[in-house]
Amino acid sequence: MDYLKIEERLDRIERLLTNSKDVLTFEEACDYMGVSRSFLYKLTSRRQIPHSKPNGKMIFFEKKKINIWLLQNRRKSKAEMENEALQYSLKNRK
């Protein structure tokens, strides 16, 4: 078997294993979020992302809280904004 195929299969297996976990290590969180180590360190040091340091050194992340953090500051679509404007104008008709 080709080394490239083996590596692809291992990557796929690692992703599947990570998807089943509720708590991620620092490295797993970087991969899961698609960010660099330095960026994630900045976020944790500034306390901008929820994380835990149970022994004062290693950093862990709860996947559910990461998802909430990633999806914050949602932007409305153009259709949603147009619908809200229409509802507002119909409601405030005189």
PDB file of N, CA and C in Angstrom:
ATOM      1  N   MET A   1       0.846  -1.187   0.000  1.00  0.00           N
ATOM      2  CA  MET A   1       0.000   0.000   0.000  1.00  0.00           C
ATOM      3  C   MET A   1       0.889   1.247   0.000  1.00  0.00           C
ATOM      4  N   ASP A   2       0.461   2.232  -0.673  1.00  0.00           N
ATOM      5  CA  ASP A   2       1.200   3.476  -0.809  1.00  0.00           C
ATOM      6  C   ASP A   2       1.215   4.235   0.521  1.00  0.00           C
ATOM      7  N   TYR A   3       2.359   4.835   0.858  1.00  0.00           N
ATOM      8  CA  TYR A   3       2.479   5.590   2.112  1.00  0.00           C
ATOM      9  C   TYR A   3       1.487   6.739   2.185  1.00  0.00           C
ATOM     10  N   LEU A   4       1.230   7.379   1.059  1.00  0.00           N
ATOM     11  CA  LEU A   4       0.285   8.503   1.033  1.00  0.00           C
ATOM     12  C   LEU A   4      -1.119   8.038   1.395  1.00  0.00           C
ATOM     13  N   LYS A   5      -1.520   6.876   0.882  1.00  0.00           N
ATOM     14  CA  LYS A   5      -2.840   6.331   1.208  1.00  0.00           C
ATOM     15  C   LYS A   5      -2.932   5.968   2.687  1.00  0.00           C
ATOM     16  N   ILE A   6      -1.867   5.408   3.215  1.00  0.00           N
ATOM     17  CA  ILE A   6      -1.848   5.050   4.641  1.00  0.00           C
ATOM     18  C   ILE A   6      -1.975   6.307   5.495  1.00  0.00           C
ATOM     19  N   GLU A   7      -1.243   7.336   5.126  1.00  0.00           N
ATOM     20  CA  GLU A   7      -1.300   8.593   5.878  1.00  0.00           C
ATOM     21  C   GLU A   7      -2.694   9.208   5.810  1.00  0.00           C
ATOM     22  N   GLU A   8      -3.321   9.166   4.637  1.00  0.00           N
ATOM     23  CA  GLU A   8      -4.684   9.694   4.491  1.00  0.00           C
ATOM     24  C   GLU A   8      -5.658   8.918   5.367  1.00  0.00           C
ATOM     25  N   ARG A   9      -5.509   7.604   5.396  1.00  0.00           N
ATOM     26  CA  ARG A   9      -6.393   6.793   6.238  1.00  0.00           C
ATOM     27  C   ARG A   9      -6.191   7.100   7.723  1.00  0.00           C
ATOM     28  N   LEU A  10      -4.940   7.262   8.131  1.00  0.00           N
ATOM     29  CA  LEU A  10      -4.674   7.598   9.531  1.00  0.00           C
ATOM     30  C   LEU A  10      -5.264   8.955   9.896  1.00  0.00           C
ATOM     31  N   ASP A  11      -5.132   9.932   9.004  1.00  0.00           N
ATOM     32  CA  ASP A  11      -5.725  11.247   9.246  1.00  0.00           C
ATOM     33  C   ASP A  11      -7.241  11.135   9.397  1.00  0.00           C
ATOM     34  N   ARG A  12      -7.866  10.343   8.543  1.00  0.00           N
ATOM     35  CA  ARG A  12      -9.317  10.154   8.607  1.00  0.00           C
ATOM     36  C   ARG A  12      -9.721   9.494   9.928  1.00  0.00           C
ATOM     37  N   ILE A  13      -8.961   8.509  10.365  1.00  0.00           N
ATOM     38  CA  ILE A  13      -9.244   7.827  11.638  1.00  0.00           C
ATOM     39  C   ILE A  13      -9.088   8.806  12.802  1.00  0.00           C
ATOM     40  N   GLU A  14      -8.036   9.611  12.779  1.00  0.00           N
ATOM     41  CA  GLU A  14      -7.835  10.599  13.849  1.00  0.00           C
ATOM     42  C   GLU A  14      -8.987  11.591  13.906  1.00  0.00           C
ATOM     43  N   ARG A  15      -9.470  12.043  12.754  1.00  0.00           N
ATOM     44  CA  ARG A  15     -10.601  12.976  12.737  1.00  0.00           C
ATOM     45  C   ARG A  15     -11.850  12.329  13.312  1.00  0.00           C
ATOM     46  N   LEU A  16     -12.080  11.071  12.970  1.00  0.00           N
ATOM     47  CA  LEU A  16     -13.248  10.362  13.501  1.00  0.00           C
ATOM     48  C   LEU A  16     -13.157  10.216  15.019  1.00  0.00           C
ATOM     49  N   LEU A  17     -11.964   9.913  15.519  1.00  0.00           N
ATOM     50  CA  LEU A  17     -11.784   9.778  16.963  1.00  0.00           C
ATOM     51  C   LEU A  17     -11.988  11.122  17.664  1.00  0.00           C
ATOM     52  N   THR A  18     -11.476  12.196  17.080  1.00  0.00           N
ATOM     53  CA  THR A  18     -11.637  13.524  17.666  1.00  0.00           C
ATOM     54  C   THR A  18     -13.099  13.926  17.693  1.00  0.00           C
ATOM     55  N   ASN A  19     -13.844  13.567  16.655  1.00  0.00           N
ATOM     56  CA  ASN A  19     -15.262  13.927  16.596  1.00  0.00           C
ATOM     57  C   ASN A  19     -16.072  13.267  17.694  1.00  0.00           C
ATOM     58  N   SER A  20     -15.626  12.133  18.201  1.00  0.00           N
ATOM     59  CA  SER A  20     -16.384  11.440  19.240  1.00  0.00           C
ATOM     60  C   SER A  20     -16.027  11.914  20.651  1.00  0.00           C
ATOM     61  N   LYS A  21     -15.003  12.754  20.784  1.00  0.00           N
ATOM     62  CA  LYS A  21     -14.572  13.223  22.104  1.00  0.00           C
ATOM     63  C   LYS A  21     -15.338  14.468  22.520  1.00  0.00           C
ATOM     64  N   ASP A  22     -15.581  14.618  23.823  1.00  0.00           N
ATOM     65  CA  ASP A  22     -16.234  15.812  24.361  1.00  0.00           C
ATOM     66  C   ASP A  22     -15.222  16.848  24.839  1.00  0.00           C
ATOM     67  N   VAL A  23     -14.048  16.380  25.251  1.00  0.00           N
ATOM     68  CA  VAL A  23     -12.998  17.272  25.749  1.00  0.00           C
ATOM     69  C   VAL A  23     -11.780  17.116  24.851  1.00  0.00           C
ATOM     70  N   LEU A  24     -11.227  18.253  24.418  1.00  0.00           N
ATOM     71  CA  LEU A  24     -10.103  18.243  23.495  1.00  0.00           C
ATOM     72  C   LEU A  24      -8.843  18.785  24.158  1.00  0.00           C
ATOM     73  N   THR A  25      -7.712  18.237  23.769  1.00  0.00           N
ATOM     74  CA  THR A  25      -6.434  18.781  24.199  1.00  0.00           C
ATOM     75  C   THR A  25      -6.157  20.040  23.381  1.00  0.00           C
ATOM     76  N   PHE A  26      -5.077  20.726  23.704  1.00  0.00           N
ATOM     77  CA  PHE A  26      -4.717  21.944  22.990  1.00  0.00           C
ATOM     78  C   PHE A  26      -4.509  21.660  21.500  1.00  0.00           C
ATOM     79  N   GLU A  27      -3.741  20.624  21.200  1.00  0.00           N
ATOM     80  CA  GLU A  27      -3.454  20.273  19.801  1.00  0.00           C
ATOM     81  C   GLU A  27      -4.728  19.890  19.058  1.00  0.00           C
ATOM     82  N   GLU A  28      -5.575  19.095  19.702  1.00  0.00           N
ATOM     83  CA  GLU A  28      -6.830  18.684  19.074  1.00  0.00           C
ATOM     84  C   GLU A  28      -7.731  19.890  18.817  1.00  0.00           C
ATOM     85  N   ALA A  29      -7.733  20.833  19.749  1.00  0.00           N
ATOM     86  CA  ALA A  29      -8.544  22.039  19.573  1.00  0.00           C
ATOM     87  C   ALA A  29      -8.037  22.868  18.399  1.00  0.00           C
ATOM     88  N   CYS A  30      -6.729  22.968  18.242  1.00  0.00           N
ATOM     89  CA  CYS A  30      -6.161  23.686  17.084  1.00  0.00           C
ATOM     90  C   CYS A  30      -6.633  23.051  15.785  1.00  0.00           C
ATOM     91  N   ASP A  31      -6.543  21.739  15.707  1.00  0.00           N
ATOM     92  CA  ASP A  31      -6.979  21.025  14.501  1.00  0.00           C
ATOM     93  C   ASP A  31      -8.476  21.182  14.282  1.00  0.00           C
ATOM     94  N   TYR A  32      -9.243  21.031  15.348  1.00  0.00           N
ATOM     95  CA  TYR A  32     -10.700  21.111  15.260  1.00  0.00           C
ATOM     96  C   TYR A  32     -11.157  22.488  14.781  1.00  0.00           C
ATOM     97  N   MET A  33     -10.528  23.532  15.299  1.00  0.00           N
ATOM     98  CA  MET A  33     -10.917  24.899  14.958  1.00  0.00           C
ATOM     99  C   MET A  33     -10.236  25.397  13.694  1.00  0.00           C
ATOM    100  N   GLY A  34      -9.160  24.746  13.289  1.00  0.00           N
ATOM    101  CA  GLY A  34      -8.424  25.171  12.102  1.00  0.00           C
ATOM    102  C   GLY A  34      -7.622  26.437  12.332  1.00  0.00           C
ATOM    103  N   VAL A  35      -7.057  26.568  13.534  1.00  0.00           N
ATOM    104  CA  VAL A  35      -6.259  27.751  13.870  1.00  0.00           C
ATOM    105  C   VAL A  35      -4.845  27.316  14.259  1.00  0.00           C
ATOM    106  N   SER A  36      -3.940  28.271  14.238  1.00  0.00           N
ATOM    107  CA  SER A  36      -2.554  27.973  14.612  1.00  0.00           C
ATOM    108  C   SER A  36      -2.415  27.892  16.127  1.00  0.00           C
ATOM    109  N   ARG A  37      -1.340  27.281  16.564  1.00  0.00           N
ATOM    110  CA  ARG A  37      -1.056  27.179  18.002  1.00  0.00           C
ATOM    111  C   ARG A  37      -0.901  28.559  18.620  1.00  0.00           C
ATOM    112  N   SER A  38      -0.181  29.445  17.928  1.00  0.00           N
ATOM    113  CA  SER A  38       0.061  30.779  18.497  1.00  0.00           C
ATOM    114  C   SER A  38      -1.243  31.555  18.655  1.00  0.00           C
ATOM    115  N   PHE A  39      -2.156  31.421  17.692  1.00  0.00           N
ATOM    116  CA  PHE A  39      -3.437  32.123  17.793  1.00  0.00           C
ATOM    117  C   PHE A  39      -4.250  31.599  18.964  1.00  0.00           C
ATOM    118  N   LEU A  40      -4.274  30.272  19.134  1.00  0.00           N
ATOM    119  CA  LEU A  40      -5.029  29.705  20.248  1.00  0.00           C
ATOM    120  C   LEU A  40      -4.399  30.069  21.588  1.00  0.00           C
ATOM    121  N   TYR A  41      -3.068  30.132  21.650  1.00  0.00           N
ATOM    122  CA  TYR A  41      -2.410  30.588  22.878  1.00  0.00           C
ATOM    123  C   TYR A  41      -2.807  32.024  23.206  1.00  0.00           C
ATOM    124  N   LYS A  42      -2.877  32.878  22.204  1.00  0.00           N
ATOM    125  CA  LYS A  42      -3.294  34.261  22.431  1.00  0.00           C
ATOM    126  C   LYS A  42      -4.705  34.311  22.989  1.00  0.00           C
ATOM    127  N   LEU A  43      -5.608  33.514  22.402  1.00  0.00           N
ATOM    128  CA  LEU A  43      -6.992  33.502  22.870  1.00  0.00           C
ATOM    129  C   LEU A  43      -7.093  33.038  24.319  1.00  0.00           C
ATOM    130  N   THR A  44      -6.316  32.007  24.675  1.00  0.00           N
ATOM    131  CA  THR A  44      -6.393  31.504  26.050  1.00  0.00           C
ATOM    132  C   THR A  44      -5.735  32.464  27.026  1.00  0.00           C
ATOM    133  N   SER A  45      -4.619  33.062  26.640  1.00  0.00           N
ATOM    134  CA  SER A  45      -3.938  33.971  27.571  1.00  0.00           C
ATOM    135  C   SER A  45      -4.755  35.237  27.811  1.00  0.00           C
ATOM    136  N   ARG A  46      -5.523  35.646  26.814  1.00  0.00           N
ATOM    137  CA  ARG A  46      -6.398  36.821  26.969  1.00  0.00           C
ATOM    138  C   ARG A  46      -7.769  36.454  27.542  1.00  0.00           C
ATOM    139  N   ARG A  47      -7.949  35.155  27.808  1.00  0.00           N
ATOM    140  CA  ARG A  47      -9.211  34.621  28.336  1.00  0.00           C
ATOM    141  C   ARG A  47     -10.394  34.963  27.436  1.00  0.00           C
ATOM    142  N   GLN A  48     -10.171  34.856  26.134  1.00  0.00           N
ATOM    143  CA  GLN A  48     -11.215  35.154  25.160  1.00  0.00           C
ATOM    144  C   GLN A  48     -11.961  33.900  24.710  1.00  0.00           C
ATOM    145  N   ILE A  49     -11.455  32.740  25.066  1.00  0.00           N
ATOM    146  CA  ILE A  49     -12.105  31.482  24.705  1.00  0.00           C
ATOM    147  C   ILE A  49     -12.198  30.622  25.962  1.00  0.00           C
ATOM    148  N   PRO A  50     -13.332  29.932  26.159  1.00  0.00           N
ATOM    149  CA  PRO A  50     -13.470  29.099  27.360  1.00  0.00           C
ATOM    150  C   PRO A  50     -12.512  27.903  27.322  1.00  0.00           C
ATOM    151  N   HIS A  51     -11.785  27.720  28.407  1.00  0.00           N
ATOM    152  CA  HIS A  51     -10.841  26.609  28.519  1.00  0.00           C
ATOM    153  C   HIS A  51     -10.636  26.258  29.980  1.00  0.00           C
ATOM    154  N   SER A  52      -9.984  25.126  30.209  1.00  0.00           N
ATOM    155  CA  SER A  52      -9.697  24.662  31.567  1.00  0.00           C
ATOM    156  C   SER A  52      -8.226  24.312  31.685  1.00  0.00           C
ATOM    157  N   LYS A  53      -7.689  24.572  32.878  1.00  0.00           N
ATOM    158  CA  LYS A  53      -6.310  24.187  33.196  1.00  0.00           C
ATOM    159  C   LYS A  53      -6.345  23.474  34.543  1.00  0.00           C
ATOM    160  N   PRO A  54      -6.758  22.201  34.560  1.00  0.00           N
ATOM    161  CA  PRO A  54      -6.956  21.509  35.837  1.00  0.00           C
ATOM    162  C   PRO A  54      -5.700  21.374  36.687  1.00  0.00           C
ATOM    163  N   ASN A  55      -4.541  21.217  36.076  1.00  0.00           N
ATOM    164  CA  ASN A  55      -3.315  21.083  36.859  1.00  0.00           C
ATOM    165  C   ASN A  55      -2.431  22.324  36.740  1.00  0.00           C
ATOM    166  N   GLY A  56      -2.971  23.381  36.151  1.00  0.00           N
ATOM    167  CA  GLY A  56      -2.230  24.620  36.040  1.00  0.00           C
ATOM    168  C   GLY A  56      -1.300  24.699  34.847  1.00  0.00           C
ATOM    169  N   LYS A  57      -1.183  23.619  34.086  1.00  0.00           N
ATOM    170  CA  LYS A  57      -0.264  23.645  32.954  1.00  0.00           C
ATOM    171  C   LYS A  57      -0.959  23.245  31.654  1.00  0.00           C
ATOM    172  N   MET A  58      -1.493  22.059  31.589  1.00  0.00           N
ATOM    173  CA  MET A  58      -2.144  21.585  30.369  1.00  0.00           C
ATOM    174  C   MET A  58      -3.485  22.293  30.174  1.00  0.00           C
ATOM    175  N   ILE A  59      -3.816  22.578  28.917  1.00  0.00           N
ATOM    176  CA  ILE A  59      -5.036  23.297  28.584  1.00  0.00           C
ATOM    177  C   ILE A  59      -5.991  22.339  27.880  1.00  0.00           C
ATOM    178  N   PHE A  60      -7.253  22.356  28.318  1.00  0.00           N
ATOM    179  CA  PHE A  60      -8.288  21.514  27.727  1.00  0.00           C
ATOM    180  C   PHE A  60      -9.473  22.380  27.321  1.00  0.00           C
ATOM    181  N   PHE A  61     -10.214  21.891  26.325  1.00  0.00           N
ATOM    182  CA  PHE A  61     -11.355  22.617  25.800  1.00  0.00           C
ATOM    183  C   PHE A  61     -12.557  21.684  25.708  1.00  0.00           C
ATOM    184  N   GLU A  62     -13.710  22.171  26.121  1.00  0.00           N
ATOM    185  CA  GLU A  62     -14.947  21.414  25.967  1.00  0.00           C
ATOM    186  C   GLU A  62     -15.498  21.721  24.579  1.00  0.00           C
ATOM    187  N   LYS A  63     -15.692  20.687  23.785  1.00  0.00           N
ATOM    188  CA  LYS A  63     -16.084  20.866  22.390  1.00  0.00           C
ATOM    189  C   LYS A  63     -17.384  21.670  22.263  1.00  0.00           C
ATOM    190  N   LYS A  64     -18.334  21.427  23.159  1.00  0.00           N
ATOM    191  CA  LYS A  64     -19.610  22.134  23.108  1.00  0.00           C
ATOM    192  C   LYS A  64     -19.394  23.646  23.283  1.00  0.00           C
ATOM    193  N   LYS A  65     -18.526  24.024  24.201  1.00  0.00           N
ATOM    194  CA  LYS A  65     -18.249  25.445  24.436  1.00  0.00           C
ATOM    195  C   LYS A  65     -17.463  26.061  23.286  1.00  0.00           C
ATOM    196  N   ILE A  66     -16.588  25.277  22.653  1.00  0.00           N
ATOM    197  CA  ILE A  66     -15.862  25.774  21.482  1.00  0.00           C
ATOM    198  C   ILE A  66     -16.849  26.082  20.357  1.00  0.00           C
ATOM    199  N   ASN A  67     -17.803  25.171  20.139  1.00  0.00           N
ATOM    200  CA  ASN A  67     -18.792  25.389  19.083  1.00  0.00           C
ATOM    201  C   ASN A  67     -19.603  26.648  19.338  1.00  0.00           C
ATOM    202  N   ILE A  68     -20.009  26.859  20.580  1.00  0.00           N
ATOM    203  CA  ILE A  68     -20.758  28.071  20.925  1.00  0.00           C
ATOM    204  C   ILE A  68     -19.898  29.297  20.680  1.00  0.00           C
ATOM    205  N   TRP A  69     -18.642  29.236  21.087  1.00  0.00           N
ATOM    206  CA  TRP A  69     -17.733  30.369  20.898  1.00  0.00           C
ATOM    207  C   TRP A  69     -17.516  30.650  19.413  1.00  0.00           C
ATOM    208  N   LEU A  70     -17.335  29.594  18.616  1.00  0.00           N
ATOM    209  CA  LEU A  70     -17.112  29.770  17.184  1.00  0.00           C
ATOM    210  C   LEU A  70     -18.315  30.398  16.481  1.00  0.00           C
ATOM    211  N   LEU A  71     -19.506  30.117  16.972  1.00  0.00           N
ATOM    212  CA  LEU A  71     -20.720  30.591  16.311  1.00  0.00           C
ATOM    213  C   LEU A  71     -21.266  31.892  16.896  1.00  0.00           C
ATOM    214  N   GLN A  72     -20.509  32.542  17.763  1.00  0.00           N
ATOM    215  CA  GLN A  72     -20.985  33.810  18.332  1.00  0.00           C
ATOM    216  C   GLN A  72     -20.909  34.915  17.282  1.00  0.00           C
ATOM    217  N   ASN A  73     -21.587  36.007  17.526  1.00  0.00           N
ATOM    218  CA  ASN A  73     -21.615  37.161  16.618  1.00  0.00           C
ATOM    219  C   ASN A  73     -22.132  36.792  15.233  1.00  0.00           C
ATOM    220  N   ARG A  74     -23.226  36.076  15.220  1.00  0.00           N
ATOM    221  CA  ARG A  74     -23.837  35.640  13.968  1.00  0.00           C
ATOM    222  C   ARG A  74     -24.266  36.843  13.142  1.00  0.00           C
ATOM    223  N   ARG A  75     -24.087  36.752  11.844  1.00  0.00           N
ATOM    224  CA  ARG A  75     -24.508  37.790  10.912  1.00  0.00           C
ATOM    225  C   ARG A  75     -25.767  37.325  10.190  1.00  0.00           C
ATOM    226  N   LYS A  76     -26.757  38.187  10.106  1.00  0.00           N
ATOM    227  CA  LYS A  76     -28.005  37.842   9.438  1.00  0.00           C
ATOM    228  C   LYS A  76     -27.812  37.894   7.928  1.00  0.00           C
ATOM    229  N   SER A  77     -28.560  37.023   7.249  1.00  0.00           N
ATOM    230  CA  SER A  77     -28.509  37.030   5.788  1.00  0.00           C
ATOM    231  C   SER A  77     -29.329  38.211   5.267  1.00  0.00           C
ATOM    232  N   LYS A  78     -29.140  38.523   4.016  1.00  0.00           N
ATOM    233  CA  LYS A  78     -29.878  39.619   3.392  1.00  0.00           C
ATOM    234  C   LYS A  78     -31.384  39.337   3.443  1.00  0.00           C
ATOM    235  N   ALA A  79     -31.779  38.103   3.204  1.00  0.00           N
ATOM    236  CA  ALA A  79     -33.197  37.728   3.240  1.00  0.00           C
ATOM    237  C   ALA A  79     -33.778  37.920   4.638  1.00  0.00           C
ATOM    238  N   GLU A  80     -33.023  37.548   5.674  1.00  0.00           N
ATOM    239  CA  GLU A  80     -33.501  37.735   7.049  1.00  0.00           C
ATOM    240  C   GLU A  80     -33.692  39.213   7.369  1.00  0.00           C
ATOM    241  N   MET A  81     -32.737  40.035   6.931  1.00  0.00           N
ATOM    242  CA  MET A  81     -32.840  41.473   7.197  1.00  0.00           C
ATOM    243  C   MET A  81     -34.018  42.091   6.444  1.00  0.00           C
ATOM    244  N   GLU A  82     -34.233  41.677   5.206  1.00  0.00           N
ATOM    245  CA  GLU A  82     -35.370  42.181   4.436  1.00  0.00           C
ATOM    246  C   GLU A  82     -36.683  41.764   5.068  1.00  0.00           C
ATOM    247  N   ASN A  83     -36.760  40.525   5.561  1.00  0.00           N
ATOM    248  CA  ASN A  83     -37.971  40.045   6.221  1.00  0.00           C
ATOM    249  C   ASN A  83     -38.244  40.837   7.495  1.00  0.00           C
ATOM    250  N   GLU A  84     -37.209  41.113   8.287  1.00  0.00           N
ATOM    251  CA  GLU A  84     -37.385  41.917   9.502  1.00  0.00           C
ATOM    252  C   GLU A  84     -37.850  43.326   9.163  1.00  0.00           C
ATOM    253  N   ALA A  85     -37.296  43.913   8.111  1.00  0.00           N
ATOM    254  CA  ALA A  85     -37.706  45.263   7.698  1.00  0.00           C
ATOM    255  C   ALA A  85     -39.157  45.260   7.262  1.00  0.00           C
ATOM    256  N   LEU A  86     -39.568  44.240   6.541  1.00  0.00           N
ATOM    257  CA  LEU A  86     -40.958  44.131   6.104  1.00  0.00           C
ATOM    258  C   LEU A  86     -41.888  43.971   7.302  1.00  0.00           C
ATOM    259  N   GLN A  87     -41.510  43.101   8.240  1.00  0.00           N
ATOM    260  CA  GLN A  87     -42.327  42.900   9.446  1.00  0.00           C
ATOM    261  C   GLN A  87     -42.440  44.188  10.255  1.00  0.00           C
ATOM    262  N   TYR A  88     -41.344  44.912  10.368  1.00  0.00           N
ATOM    263  CA  TYR A  88     -41.334  46.160  11.117  1.00  0.00           C
ATOM    264  C   TYR A  88     -42.252  47.191  10.446  1.00  0.00           C
ATOM    265  N   SER A  89     -42.147  47.296   9.112  1.00  0.00           N
ATOM    266  CA  SER A  89     -42.963  48.286   8.412  1.00  0.00           C
ATOM    267  C   SER A  89     -44.446  47.935   8.446  1.00  0.00           C
ATOM    268  N   LEU A  90     -44.775  46.642   8.402  1.00  0.00           N
ATOM    269  CA  LEU A  90     -46.159  46.239   8.504  1.00  0.00           C
ATOM    270  C   LEU A  90     -46.714  46.473   9.912  1.00  0.00           C
ATOM    271  N   LYS A  91     -45.899  46.254  10.895  1.00  0.00           N
ATOM    272  CA  LYS A  91     -46.303  46.417  12.296  1.00  0.00           C
ATOM    273  C   LYS A  91     -46.509  47.896  12.644  1.00  0.00           C
ATOM    274  N   ASN A  92     -45.682  48.774  12.111  1.00  0.00           N
ATOM    275  CA  ASN A  92     -45.721  50.183  12.450  1.00  0.00           C
ATOM    276  C   ASN A  92     -46.432  51.044  11.408  1.00  0.00           C
ATOM    277  N   ARG A  93     -47.324  50.469  10.669  1.00  0.00           N
ATOM    278  CA  ARG A  93     -48.110  51.205   9.686  1.00  0.00           C
ATOM    279  C   ARG A  93     -49.088  52.118  10.387  1.00  0.00           C
ATOM    280  N   LYS A  94     -49.318  53.296   9.825  1.00  0.00           N
ATOM    281  CA  LYS A  94     -50.283  54.216  10.435  1.00  0.00           C
ATOM    282  C   LYS A  94     -51.323  54.617   9.452  1.00  0.00           C
TER     283      LYS A  94
END
